[in-house]
Every structure is written in C-alpha cells, then in structure tokens.
Amino acid sequence: MAEPSARSTMAPARPASPAPRAPAPIKPAPAPRPTDRRGPERSGPRMSTLALIAWVALLVTISAVGARYYGLPMAARVRHPLHAWLRPSGYVGQTAGILSLAIFGFLWLYPLRKRYRWLSFTGAIAKWLNVHVLAALALPLLVAIHAAWHFGGVIGLGFWSMMVVWTSGIIGRYIYARIPRGRAGVELTIEEIAAERKALLEQIGAQTGLDPTTVEATLAPNTATPAGLGLWGTLRHMAADDLTRRGAIRRLRYLCERAGPGKRRADRTTVSRVLGLARREMALTQQARMLDATHDLFRYWHVAHRPVAIAALIAVLVHVGVVVALGATWFR
C-alpha cells in the first residue's frame, strides 16, 4: 500500500483571525422623562368636553328661541304660541325637568363610589369626579328651562337650593385641583412632588439649553406663603398664585425665544411643549407651598357641602312630589 503523501498527513491551515475591533462607544442612557401622574397628554379636546359644549349650545339655543316667551308676564304667557311647549309642564319644559332630575340623581352616585370600595370596578375616583363635574355644569341652565325662567314657589326653592350646591361644587373642584394627585387620584407625597419638579426642570433645560437653576428662578413665585391665612385668605392667595403664573410663563417664553450667542432660537413646537412642562412645575410648586392650608380649606368645604346637598335633594323631592300629586305632567 502506498504511503500517504506529506500534504495529506498535514493538518489544514487555519485562516488568519481578524484583527480585534475597537469597542463601540457606549451611548449614554436617555434622561428619564418626568412622571406626569395626570396621564398622557391629549392633542385635542376630550370627547366629553365636546359633548358638554354641544349640550350647552342646545340649551342656549332653546333659551334664545323662547326669549320672547320667557320675557312675558305669567298672565300673558298663556296666549303665546309656544306656551304649550315652553311652560314648566309643557313638552320642552317637562322634558327638561325629567332630565334635570335624572342628572341630579346621577350626581349622587359619586359619593357612593367614594364610600364603597367594592365599586372600584366602575372606574377610578378621579374619572368619576370629572364626570360628576361635567354632568353638573349645565344643570342650572337645564333647570332654568324647566322653570321657564321663572323662579318662584316650589320650583324656585328647588332651583336656588340646587344653585347653592352647584356653586359650592365649583369651589370644591377648584380646591381639589390644588391638591397634587396621581393618575388614580391618590395624593402625592412631598418627596414625590420634589422628584417630579426636579425632572421637569431638567427636561425644560434639556429642550431649551437653559440652566435648570435659571428656569427654577424664572418660575419661582414672587412672594412666600404667609402663615395663618384663614379660610378666605387661602382662597385669595390661591387666586393670586394663578395670576402670577401668567407673568412667569411670559418670562420663560422670552428666554426660550431669545437667540443667545451661539444658540439657535427655539421653534414654536418646542416652546409650546416647554411651556406646558413649566405650567406643571409651577402648579406643583404652589401646591406644595399651600398643601396644609389647602387641606384645612378642603375639610371645611366638606363640612358645608354635604348638608347643603342633602337640603337640595329634599327640596327637589318635595317639588317632584307636589307636581306628581297635582298631575301637572304632560305624559299623564
């Protein structure tokens, strides 16, 4: 047998290993965005807001069409061609009354949602509050159409008691909005407020090229919160804080749009986004400054709002009972 050749006995030559590559540069991790506990921003108005605007527009149209009828004395209304429609027991008036009663009853579902935890499957308390406020906003106008814009007797009792509840509800919503809360309606702690404020300032600085310290100084309130404001003093200071935010926003807009040396002027989209972040930062700052006073004010409001709401409910039920007993309904 012939011996194998030397080439066949030799191991195959290995290919030359490539030169080691230089390690790729490590990209820095993007800065974390501030946690906006209020939920994602919306580019346009909510559908509920649009529905409320359409509903109010309808009620205003009915009031405008019946303006001549509503302006007549009670004795002269019976000869008006729209009397069968616009009187309290008429087609439009009685329908408005039934809708008012339904909405007023729906408003009492919100306290039940807050009281019983097993109703959590119906939605978060914060969403319930928004629906509660939206449903109540147009209620006075609807009741006015039901009363044919004449507020006397039992109708007037129900209307004015409802107006007291409506006014106190608007004030309560204003106070509630001054307590920093998360997406689910849970109140934020001082540490969470400070962390979110810091993240907001850093993001504003990153988008505008401004130093976060300069941004904080620009948005800082002009005066400190005095102690012992009291009930009305706290409300006045809250309203004054809301007015001072406009001046701070104008100052920040000037800094963003001013083209400094070696810097490019910020575009309109960036400025709009930065101003939105700035409004959130100022809100958190002012809420933290007045947190204790706001809690005291909200506690007083709860004590006053509940008995007034119960009195309004009793007045409305008395009105409905009298109307049904007298048979002043168009559907019977």
Protein backbone atom coordinates (compact mmCIF):
# COMPACT_ATOMS: atom_id res chain seq x y z
CA MET A 1 0.00 0.00 0.00
CA ALA A 2 1.42 3.32 -0.95
CA GLU A 3 2.22 5.67 1.91
CA PRO A 4 0.15 8.84 2.17
CA SER A 5 1.74 11.91 0.90
CA ALA A 6 3.06 14.60 3.21
CA ARG A 7 0.27 17.02 2.15
CA SER A 8 -2.41 14.52 3.16
CA THR A 9 -0.89 13.96 6.62
CA MET A 10 -0.58 17.65 7.44
CA ALA A 11 -3.48 19.41 9.26
CA PRO A 12 -5.26 22.05 7.20
CA ALA A 13 -4.00 25.55 7.81
CA ARG A 14 -6.32 27.78 9.93
CA PRO A 15 -7.45 31.08 8.42
CA ALA A 16 -5.88 34.13 9.92
CA SER A 17 -8.01 35.57 12.75
CA PRO A 18 -9.30 39.07 12.07
CA ALA A 19 -7.83 41.96 13.95
CA PRO A 20 -9.74 42.78 17.14
CA ARG A 21 -12.27 45.58 16.67
CA ALA A 22 -12.33 48.59 18.85
CA PRO A 23 -15.27 48.51 21.29
CA ALA A 24 -18.24 50.57 20.18
CA PRO A 25 -18.74 53.70 22.20
CA ILE A 26 -21.39 53.31 24.85
CA LYS A 27 -24.27 55.67 24.26
CA PRO A 28 -25.48 57.40 27.36
CA ALA A 29 -28.91 56.33 28.51
CA PRO A 30 -31.62 58.86 27.71
CA ALA A 31 -32.63 61.00 30.59
CA PRO A 32 -35.79 59.73 32.22
CA ARG A 33 -38.87 61.71 31.39
CA PRO A 34 -40.72 63.22 34.31
CA THR A 35 -43.54 61.10 35.51
CA ASP A 36 -46.70 63.01 34.78
CA ARG A 37 -49.10 61.40 37.16
CA ARG A 38 -52.01 63.00 35.43
CA GLY A 39 -51.84 60.61 32.49
CA PRO A 40 -50.82 61.02 28.84
CA GLU A 41 -51.29 64.39 27.24
CA ARG A 42 -54.05 64.75 24.69
CA SER A 43 -53.57 66.59 21.46
CA GLY A 44 -57.15 67.81 21.26
CA PRO A 45 -60.19 68.37 23.44
CA ARG A 46 -61.79 65.36 25.04
CA MET A 47 -65.00 63.93 23.66
CA SER A 48 -66.74 64.64 26.97
CA THR A 49 -65.81 68.31 26.70
CA LEU A 50 -67.11 68.47 23.14
CA ALA A 51 -70.34 66.78 24.22
CA LEU A 52 -70.74 69.32 27.04
CA ILE A 53 -70.21 72.21 24.62
CA ALA A 54 -72.81 70.79 22.23
CA TRP A 55 -75.25 70.25 25.10
CA VAL A 56 -74.82 73.80 26.40
CA ALA A 57 -75.20 75.15 22.86
CA LEU A 58 -78.52 73.32 22.55
CA LEU A 59 -79.79 74.75 25.84
CA VAL A 60 -78.68 78.26 24.87
CA THR A 61 -80.49 77.88 21.55
CA ILE A 62 -83.71 76.86 23.30
CA SER A 63 -83.40 79.84 25.64
CA ALA A 64 -82.76 82.20 22.71
CA VAL A 65 -85.73 80.87 20.71
CA GLY A 66 -88.03 81.25 23.71
CA ALA A 67 -86.59 84.58 24.88
CA ARG A 68 -89.77 86.49 24.00
CA TYR A 69 -91.92 83.95 25.80
CA TYR A 70 -89.71 83.94 28.88
CA GLY A 71 -89.80 87.75 28.99
CA LEU A 72 -93.60 87.95 29.20
CA PRO A 73 -95.52 88.22 32.49
CA MET A 74 -97.05 84.98 33.72
CA ALA A 75 -100.59 86.09 32.79
CA ALA A 76 -99.60 86.90 29.21
CA ARG A 77 -97.72 83.66 28.57
CA VAL A 78 -100.86 81.58 28.14
CA ARG A 79 -101.64 83.40 24.87
CA HIS A 80 -98.19 82.83 23.40
CA PRO A 81 -97.97 80.12 20.67
CA LEU A 82 -95.02 78.47 22.44
CA HIS A 83 -96.79 78.20 25.79
CA ALA A 84 -97.68 74.53 25.27
CA TRP A 85 -94.00 73.77 24.64
CA LEU A 86 -92.05 76.02 27.00
CA ARG A 87 -94.20 76.11 30.13
CA PRO A 88 -92.85 74.02 33.06
CA SER A 89 -95.40 71.29 32.33
CA GLY A 90 -95.02 71.61 28.58
CA TYR A 91 -93.22 69.34 26.16
CA VAL A 92 -89.84 71.07 26.38
CA GLY A 93 -90.22 72.26 29.97
CA GLN A 94 -91.30 68.90 31.38
CA THR A 95 -88.62 67.05 29.41
CA ALA A 96 -86.01 69.41 30.82
CA GLY A 97 -87.36 68.71 34.30
CA ILE A 98 -87.12 64.95 33.87
CA LEU A 99 -83.57 65.23 32.55
CA SER A 100 -82.66 67.53 35.45
CA LEU A 101 -83.98 65.01 37.95
CA ALA A 102 -82.07 62.18 36.24
CA ILE A 103 -78.81 64.16 36.24
CA PHE A 104 -79.31 65.25 39.85
CA GLY A 105 -79.82 61.62 40.86
CA PHE A 106 -76.74 60.58 38.87
CA LEU A 107 -74.64 63.12 40.79
CA TRP A 108 -75.33 61.19 43.99
CA LEU A 109 -73.56 58.14 42.57
CA TYR A 110 -70.18 59.82 43.04
CA PRO A 111 -70.40 59.89 46.87
CA LEU A 112 -71.38 56.22 46.77
CA ARG A 113 -68.32 55.42 44.64
CA LYS A 114 -66.07 57.16 47.17
CA ARG A 115 -67.66 55.44 50.15
CA TYR A 116 -67.75 51.82 48.95
CA ARG A 117 -64.53 50.28 47.69
CA TRP A 118 -66.26 47.33 46.08
CA LEU A 119 -67.47 49.75 43.39
CA SER A 120 -63.91 50.16 42.12
CA PHE A 121 -64.79 48.11 39.03
CA THR A 122 -66.83 51.10 37.80
CA GLY A 123 -63.69 53.23 37.36
CA ALA A 124 -61.19 55.37 39.23
CA ILE A 125 -62.42 58.03 41.62
CA ALA A 126 -60.65 60.74 39.62
CA LYS A 127 -62.62 59.81 36.49
CA TRP A 128 -65.82 59.73 38.49
CA LEU A 129 -65.09 63.24 39.74
CA ASN A 130 -64.55 64.54 36.20
CA VAL A 131 -67.86 63.04 35.05
CA HIS A 132 -69.54 64.38 38.19
CA VAL A 133 -68.35 67.93 37.43
CA LEU A 134 -69.16 67.79 33.71
CA ALA A 135 -72.67 66.49 34.37
CA ALA A 136 -73.34 69.28 36.87
CA LEU A 137 -72.02 72.20 34.81
CA ALA A 138 -75.06 72.55 32.54
CA LEU A 139 -77.61 71.62 35.22
CA PRO A 140 -78.61 75.22 36.22
CA LEU A 141 -79.39 76.11 32.61
CA LEU A 142 -81.44 72.95 32.19
CA VAL A 143 -83.40 73.65 35.38
CA ALA A 144 -83.97 77.25 34.25
CA ILE A 145 -85.58 75.99 31.04
CA HIS A 146 -87.76 73.62 33.06
CA ALA A 147 -88.84 76.54 35.28
CA ALA A 148 -89.48 78.70 32.18
CA TRP A 149 -87.03 81.18 33.68
CA HIS A 150 -89.44 81.96 36.50
CA PHE A 151 -88.13 81.00 39.91
CA GLY A 152 -91.00 81.22 42.31
CA GLY A 153 -92.86 78.82 44.56
CA VAL A 154 -91.67 75.24 44.92
CA ILE A 155 -89.74 75.43 41.63
CA GLY A 156 -87.78 78.39 42.95
CA LEU A 157 -87.00 76.55 46.19
CA GLY A 158 -85.56 73.62 44.28
CA PHE A 159 -83.70 75.84 41.84
CA TRP A 160 -81.98 78.10 44.37
CA SER A 161 -81.06 75.21 46.63
CA MET A 162 -79.55 73.47 43.61
CA MET A 163 -77.68 76.65 42.69
CA VAL A 164 -76.12 76.77 46.17
CA VAL A 165 -74.93 73.18 45.74
CA TRP A 166 -73.69 73.95 42.22
CA THR A 167 -71.68 76.98 43.41
CA SER A 168 -70.17 75.09 46.32
CA GLY A 169 -69.29 72.24 43.95
CA ILE A 170 -67.40 74.62 41.65
CA ILE A 171 -65.44 75.94 44.64
CA GLY A 172 -64.76 72.41 45.86
CA ARG A 173 -63.44 71.34 42.44
CA TYR A 174 -61.14 74.36 42.44
CA ILE A 175 -59.77 73.41 45.86
CA TYR A 176 -59.46 69.72 44.90
CA ALA A 177 -57.34 70.65 41.88
CA ARG A 178 -54.87 72.40 44.21
CA ILE A 179 -54.00 69.11 45.94
CA PRO A 180 -51.33 67.25 43.91
CA ARG A 181 -52.59 63.83 42.97
CA GLY A 182 -51.60 60.91 40.81
CA ARG A 183 -53.41 59.37 37.87
CA ALA A 184 -55.63 57.24 40.13
CA GLY A 185 -56.50 60.20 42.35
CA VAL A 186 -54.03 59.30 45.11
CA GLU A 187 -52.35 62.29 46.73
CA LEU A 188 -48.63 62.70 46.07
CA THR A 189 -46.14 62.97 48.91
CA ILE A 190 -43.71 65.87 49.35
CA GLU A 191 -40.86 63.63 48.18
CA GLU A 192 -42.73 62.65 45.02
CA ILE A 193 -43.53 66.29 44.30
CA ALA A 194 -39.86 67.27 44.69
CA ALA A 195 -38.70 64.44 42.42
CA GLU A 196 -41.20 65.33 39.72
CA ARG A 197 -40.31 69.03 39.92
CA LYS A 198 -36.62 68.22 39.51
CA ALA A 199 -37.31 66.01 36.49
CA LEU A 200 -39.46 68.71 34.91
CA LEU A 201 -36.79 71.39 35.38
CA GLU A 202 -34.13 69.11 33.88
CA GLN A 203 -36.31 68.35 30.87
CA ILE A 204 -37.04 72.05 30.31
CA GLY A 205 -33.31 72.76 30.49
CA ALA A 206 -32.52 69.96 28.05
CA GLN A 207 -35.03 71.19 25.48
CA THR A 208 -34.18 74.89 25.73
CA GLY A 209 -30.47 74.86 26.58
CA LEU A 210 -31.16 76.89 29.70
CA ASP A 211 -29.67 76.10 33.07
CA PRO A 212 -32.26 74.34 35.29
CA THR A 213 -31.37 76.76 38.08
CA THR A 214 -32.24 79.69 35.82
CA VAL A 215 -35.51 78.02 34.85
CA GLU A 216 -36.37 77.43 38.50
CA ALA A 217 -35.64 81.06 39.38
CA THR A 218 -37.76 82.26 36.47
CA LEU A 219 -40.74 80.16 37.50
CA ALA A 220 -40.38 80.74 41.24
CA PRO A 221 -43.22 82.65 42.94
CA ASN A 222 -42.51 86.25 43.83
CA THR A 223 -43.63 86.02 47.44
CA ALA A 224 -43.63 83.36 50.12
CA THR A 225 -46.84 81.94 51.51
CA PRO A 226 -47.72 83.73 54.76
CA ALA A 227 -48.85 81.71 57.74
CA GLY A 228 -52.33 81.85 59.22
CA LEU A 229 -54.20 82.82 56.07
CA GLY A 230 -57.58 81.60 57.22
CA LEU A 231 -60.48 80.44 55.07
CA TRP A 232 -60.92 83.42 52.73
CA GLY A 233 -57.24 84.35 52.84
CA THR A 234 -56.31 80.93 51.48
CA LEU A 235 -58.77 81.29 48.60
CA ARG A 236 -57.46 84.78 47.78
CA HIS A 237 -53.86 83.56 47.84
CA MET A 238 -54.74 80.66 45.53
CA ALA A 239 -56.32 83.04 43.05
CA ALA A 240 -53.29 85.37 43.28
CA ASP A 241 -50.97 82.41 42.60
CA ASP A 242 -52.96 81.57 39.46
CA LEU A 243 -52.48 85.13 38.20
CA THR A 244 -48.74 85.19 38.89
CA ARG A 245 -48.23 82.10 36.75
CA ARG A 246 -49.03 84.11 33.63
CA GLY A 247 -46.17 86.52 34.29
CA ALA A 248 -43.75 83.63 34.86
CA ILE A 249 -44.87 81.99 31.62
CA ARG A 250 -44.22 85.22 29.70
CA ARG A 251 -40.72 85.49 31.19
CA LEU A 252 -39.90 81.88 30.27
CA ARG A 253 -41.27 82.34 26.76
CA TYR A 254 -38.97 85.34 26.32
CA LEU A 255 -35.96 83.30 27.44
CA CYS A 256 -36.87 80.42 25.11
CA GLU A 257 -37.43 82.58 22.04
CA ARG A 258 -34.39 84.81 22.58
CA ALA A 259 -31.48 83.65 20.46
CA GLY A 260 -28.40 83.91 22.63
CA PRO A 261 -24.79 83.84 21.39
CA GLY A 262 -24.09 80.56 19.68
CA LYS A 263 -27.63 79.33 20.23
CA ARG A 264 -30.46 78.71 17.85
CA ARG A 265 -33.87 80.15 18.52
CA ALA A 266 -36.36 77.54 19.74
CA ASP A 267 -39.16 76.67 17.34
CA ARG A 268 -42.82 77.15 18.16
CA THR A 269 -43.48 73.47 18.88
CA THR A 270 -40.63 73.26 21.36
CA VAL A 271 -41.72 76.46 23.08
CA SER A 272 -45.29 75.18 23.40
CA ARG A 273 -44.09 71.87 24.86
CA VAL A 274 -41.74 73.62 27.29
CA LEU A 275 -44.43 75.99 28.49
CA GLY A 276 -46.69 73.03 29.20
CA LEU A 277 -43.97 71.48 31.35
CA ALA A 278 -43.43 74.83 33.06
CA ARG A 279 -47.12 75.13 33.97
CA ARG A 280 -46.99 71.69 35.55
CA GLU A 281 -43.84 72.62 37.52
CA MET A 282 -45.37 75.86 38.81
CA ALA A 283 -48.55 74.04 39.80
CA LEU A 284 -46.57 71.50 41.81
CA THR A 285 -44.52 74.25 43.48
CA GLN A 286 -47.54 76.25 44.56
CA GLN A 287 -49.46 73.17 45.62
CA ALA A 288 -46.58 72.08 47.85
CA ARG A 289 -46.33 75.58 49.39
CA MET A 290 -50.01 75.64 50.36
CA LEU A 291 -50.63 71.97 50.98
CA ASP A 292 -51.52 72.27 54.69
CA ALA A 293 -53.75 75.31 54.15
CA THR A 294 -55.47 73.59 51.23
CA HIS A 295 -56.18 70.51 53.36
CA ASP A 296 -57.77 72.68 56.05
CA LEU A 297 -59.87 74.53 53.48
CA PHE A 298 -61.00 71.30 51.84
CA ARG A 299 -62.01 69.94 55.24
CA TYR A 300 -64.20 73.00 55.90
CA TRP A 301 -65.72 72.65 52.44
CA HIS A 302 -66.70 69.04 53.09
CA VAL A 303 -68.47 70.03 56.30
CA ALA A 304 -70.52 72.70 54.47
CA HIS A 305 -71.17 70.95 51.14
CA ARG A 306 -72.78 67.77 52.39
CA PRO A 307 -75.72 69.25 54.39
CA VAL A 308 -76.40 71.76 51.59
CA ALA A 309 -76.53 68.92 49.06
CA ILE A 310 -78.91 66.95 51.28
CA ALA A 311 -81.15 70.02 51.66
CA ALA A 312 -81.20 70.46 47.88
CA LEU A 313 -82.13 66.80 47.43
CA ILE A 314 -85.03 67.16 49.86
CA ALA A 315 -86.23 70.33 48.08
CA VAL A 316 -86.12 68.60 44.70
CA LEU A 317 -88.01 65.56 46.00
CA VAL A 318 -90.66 67.82 47.55
CA HIS A 319 -91.05 69.61 44.23
CA VAL A 320 -91.42 66.35 42.31
CA GLY A 321 -93.91 65.02 44.86
CA VAL A 322 -96.08 68.14 44.64
CA VAL A 323 -96.02 68.12 40.83
CA VAL A 324 -96.99 64.45 40.59
CA ALA A 325 -99.73 64.91 43.21
CA LEU A 326 -101.21 67.84 41.27
CA GLY A 327 -100.98 65.94 37.99
CA ALA A 328 -99.12 68.79 36.25
CA THR A 329 -97.45 66.48 33.75
CA TRP A 330 -97.86 66.17 30.00
CA PHE A 331 -97.30 62.44 29.93
CA ARG A 332 -100.39 61.55 32.01
